[in-house]
Amino acid sequence: MNIDDFDSYEAFLTRVNPIIESQAWAIAQACMYLYHTSIDPQDLAQSARIYLWQYRERRPDTPVNMLLLLGRLRMYGERQRGRSVLRPHPGKRTRVYEQADLAQADLVAVADLDPVPRLSDQQELALLYTCLQQARSTQDEEAEHAAILALRRFARAVQNADLYDQAHRWWREWWHRKRNPEAGG
């Protein structure tokens, strides 16, 4: 049986949905028994249905038994990923709203936008130089590469042409060492 045997995807879902629902229920029960975790079988089944819809659009010639297997694997993946599926109570989600004045809302918005205090340009430059120095002293090529690229981005951002040229020279030296390890120092 192939998807092309059905005249529409709704007809396919009508045929396959009971199987998906029963698999979702079985997975949810197994999670409750083995892990003492409550999972909503409807969330599992919905994630499988969405996945099957997307998979069917990419590969319309896939047999139904393969799609059912992929749907079940998707439900296992959702169980392990733990997005909205791992809610403690599988019932309807309750919304909770709190009233706050505008000053409190501004504090929250600013805290969300800038969770870490900004460094000055001199502090950031010193930090990047320190990272580069430590990478070179430990001979960590990947860390050195990342520090050089960060220095180049920083130089471009603050529009410091001399620093950019120096970082670019370091990058070229790094690249030549990486391409010719026997010639490098």
Protein backbone atom coordinates (compact mmCIF):
# COMPACT_ATOMS: atom_id res chain seq x y z
CA MET A 1 0.00 0.00 0.00
CA ASN A 2 1.43 3.33 -1.08
CA ILE A 3 0.38 6.90 -0.44
CA ASP A 4 -0.50 7.24 -4.10
CA ASP A 5 -3.23 4.64 -3.48
CA PHE A 6 -5.14 7.33 -1.54
CA ASP A 7 -6.90 10.15 -3.35
CA SER A 8 -5.92 12.74 -0.72
CA TYR A 9 -3.72 13.08 2.30
CA GLU A 10 -6.83 13.36 4.46
CA ALA A 11 -7.83 9.88 3.29
CA PHE A 12 -4.37 8.65 4.20
CA LEU A 13 -4.64 10.23 7.66
CA THR A 14 -8.09 8.73 8.17
CA ARG A 15 -6.61 5.30 7.52
CA VAL A 16 -3.36 5.76 9.45
CA ASN A 17 -4.48 7.99 12.33
CA PRO A 18 -5.87 5.16 14.53
CA ILE A 19 -2.52 3.38 14.31
CA ILE A 20 -0.61 6.55 15.17
CA GLU A 21 -2.95 7.29 18.08
CA SER A 22 -2.55 3.79 19.50
CA GLN A 23 1.24 3.94 19.18
CA ALA A 24 1.26 7.33 20.91
CA TRP A 25 -0.88 5.97 23.71
CA ALA A 26 1.46 2.97 24.13
CA ILE A 27 4.55 5.21 24.24
CA ALA A 28 2.91 7.52 26.78
CA GLN A 29 1.94 4.55 28.98
CA ALA A 30 5.44 3.09 28.78
CA CYS A 31 6.91 6.46 29.82
CA MET A 32 4.54 6.63 32.76
CA TYR A 33 5.41 3.09 33.83
CA LEU A 34 9.17 3.19 33.25
CA TYR A 35 10.11 6.82 33.88
CA HIS A 36 7.20 8.10 35.97
CA THR A 37 6.82 10.89 33.45
CA SER A 38 3.46 12.03 32.22
CA ILE A 39 3.34 12.57 28.44
CA ASP A 40 0.32 13.64 26.47
CA PRO A 41 -0.33 11.03 23.76
CA GLN A 42 -2.09 13.67 21.66
CA ASP A 43 1.12 15.74 21.54
CA LEU A 44 3.07 12.67 20.44
CA ALA A 45 0.52 11.80 17.75
CA GLN A 46 0.43 15.39 16.50
CA SER A 47 4.21 15.53 16.15
CA ALA A 48 4.09 12.26 14.18
CA ARG A 49 1.32 13.55 11.92
CA ILE A 50 3.23 16.76 11.16
CA TYR A 51 6.39 14.80 10.47
CA LEU A 52 4.57 12.38 8.16
CA TRP A 53 3.01 15.29 6.27
CA GLN A 54 6.44 16.87 5.72
CA TYR A 55 8.06 13.54 4.85
CA ARG A 56 5.30 12.72 2.39
CA GLU A 57 5.82 16.05 0.62
CA ARG A 58 9.52 15.29 0.20
CA ARG A 59 9.13 11.62 -0.77
CA PRO A 60 5.65 10.80 -2.01
CA ASP A 61 6.57 7.24 -3.06
CA THR A 62 7.28 6.01 0.49
CA PRO A 63 5.30 2.91 1.51
CA VAL A 64 2.78 3.26 4.32
CA ASN A 65 4.49 0.75 6.62
CA MET A 66 7.70 2.78 6.35
CA LEU A 67 5.80 5.97 7.17
CA LEU A 68 4.28 4.33 10.23
CA LEU A 69 7.72 3.29 11.40
CA LEU A 70 9.05 6.81 10.82
CA GLY A 71 6.09 8.25 12.73
CA ARG A 72 6.79 5.98 15.67
CA LEU A 73 10.47 6.94 15.66
CA ARG A 74 9.44 10.60 15.58
CA MET A 75 7.28 10.05 18.67
CA TYR A 76 10.24 8.44 20.45
CA GLY A 77 12.34 11.43 19.44
CA GLU A 78 9.75 13.86 20.81
CA ARG A 79 9.70 11.93 24.06
CA GLN A 80 13.46 12.21 24.39
CA ARG A 81 13.65 15.82 23.21
CA GLY A 82 11.12 16.94 25.79
CA ARG A 83 9.63 20.03 24.25
CA SER A 84 5.96 20.64 24.98
CA VAL A 85 5.49 16.89 25.16
CA LEU A 86 6.95 16.50 28.64
CA ARG A 87 4.39 18.65 30.43
CA PRO A 88 3.69 17.40 33.93
CA HIS A 89 -0.09 17.36 33.38
CA PRO A 90 -1.32 16.25 29.99
CA GLY A 91 -4.58 18.17 30.33
CA LYS A 92 -5.35 21.59 28.95
CA ARG A 93 -2.62 24.13 29.57
CA THR A 94 -3.59 26.89 31.95
CA ARG A 95 -2.37 30.38 31.26
CA VAL A 96 -1.18 32.52 34.14
CA TYR A 97 -0.92 36.27 33.78
CA GLU A 98 0.52 38.76 36.23
CA GLN A 99 -0.07 42.47 36.20
CA ALA A 100 2.98 44.68 36.38
CA ASP A 101 3.55 48.39 36.05
CA LEU A 102 5.54 49.81 33.14
CA ALA A 103 8.73 50.30 35.18
CA GLN A 104 8.85 46.59 36.01
CA ALA A 105 8.12 45.68 32.40
CA ASP A 106 10.97 47.92 31.21
CA LEU A 107 13.38 46.25 33.63
CA VAL A 108 12.40 42.82 32.37
CA ALA A 109 12.70 43.86 28.72
CA VAL A 110 16.14 45.40 29.27
CA ALA A 111 17.32 42.37 31.26
CA ASP A 112 16.19 40.05 28.46
CA LEU A 113 17.90 42.09 25.77
CA ASP A 114 21.24 42.54 27.53
CA PRO A 115 21.73 39.75 30.09
CA VAL A 116 25.49 40.34 30.35
CA PRO A 117 27.00 43.74 31.06
CA ARG A 118 28.72 45.09 27.96
CA LEU A 119 32.47 45.35 27.85
CA SER A 120 34.14 48.49 26.65
CA ASP A 121 36.07 48.27 23.39
CA GLN A 122 39.37 48.24 25.29
CA GLN A 123 38.17 45.46 27.61
CA GLU A 124 36.94 43.38 24.70
CA LEU A 125 40.21 43.89 22.82
CA ALA A 126 42.22 42.90 25.91
CA LEU A 127 40.05 39.80 26.33
CA LEU A 128 40.57 38.79 22.69
CA TYR A 129 44.33 39.29 22.96
CA THR A 130 44.38 37.20 26.14
CA CYS A 131 42.45 34.41 24.42
CA LEU A 132 44.84 34.50 21.47
CA GLN A 133 47.87 34.46 23.74
CA GLN A 134 46.56 31.50 25.75
CA ALA A 135 45.69 29.59 22.58
CA ARG A 136 49.18 30.11 21.23
CA SER A 137 50.86 29.19 24.52
CA THR A 138 48.94 25.90 24.68
CA GLN A 139 49.37 25.35 20.91
CA ASP A 140 45.61 24.97 20.46
CA GLU A 141 45.17 25.68 16.76
CA GLU A 142 41.39 25.72 16.79
CA ALA A 143 41.24 28.20 19.68
CA GLU A 144 43.89 30.33 17.97
CA HIS A 145 41.84 30.33 14.78
CA ALA A 146 38.67 31.33 16.63
CA ALA A 147 40.50 34.13 18.48
CA ILE A 148 42.02 35.49 15.26
CA LEU A 149 38.64 35.49 13.53
CA ALA A 150 37.05 37.19 16.54
CA LEU A 151 39.79 39.83 16.43
CA ARG A 152 39.09 40.42 12.74
CA ARG A 153 35.35 40.77 13.37
CA PHE A 154 36.04 43.13 16.27
CA ALA A 155 38.43 45.24 14.17
CA ARG A 156 35.83 45.47 11.42
CA ALA A 157 33.13 46.44 13.92
CA VAL A 158 35.19 49.24 15.50
CA GLN A 159 36.59 50.21 12.07
CA ASN A 160 40.22 49.82 13.09
CA ALA A 161 42.09 49.19 9.83
CA ASP A 162 45.48 48.55 11.48
CA LEU A 163 44.07 45.94 13.84
CA TYR A 164 42.19 44.33 10.96
CA ASP A 165 45.36 44.14 8.84
CA GLN A 166 47.32 42.61 11.74
CA ALA A 167 44.58 40.05 12.47
CA HIS A 168 44.36 39.22 8.78
CA ARG A 169 48.14 38.63 8.64
CA TRP A 170 47.84 36.33 11.69
CA TRP A 171 45.01 34.50 9.99
CA ARG A 172 47.05 34.05 6.80
CA GLU A 173 50.02 32.73 8.85
CA TRP A 174 47.68 30.35 10.67
CA TRP A 175 46.22 29.19 7.35
CA HIS A 176 49.68 28.54 5.86
CA ARG A 177 50.70 26.56 8.97
CA LYS A 178 47.52 24.55 8.73
CA ARG A 179 47.97 23.80 5.03
CA ASN A 180 51.71 23.05 5.34
CA PRO A 181 52.26 21.52 8.78
CA GLU A 182 55.86 20.49 8.06
CA ALA A 183 56.84 24.07 7.14
CA GLY A 184 55.07 25.66 10.14
CA GLY A 185 56.73 26.45 13.42
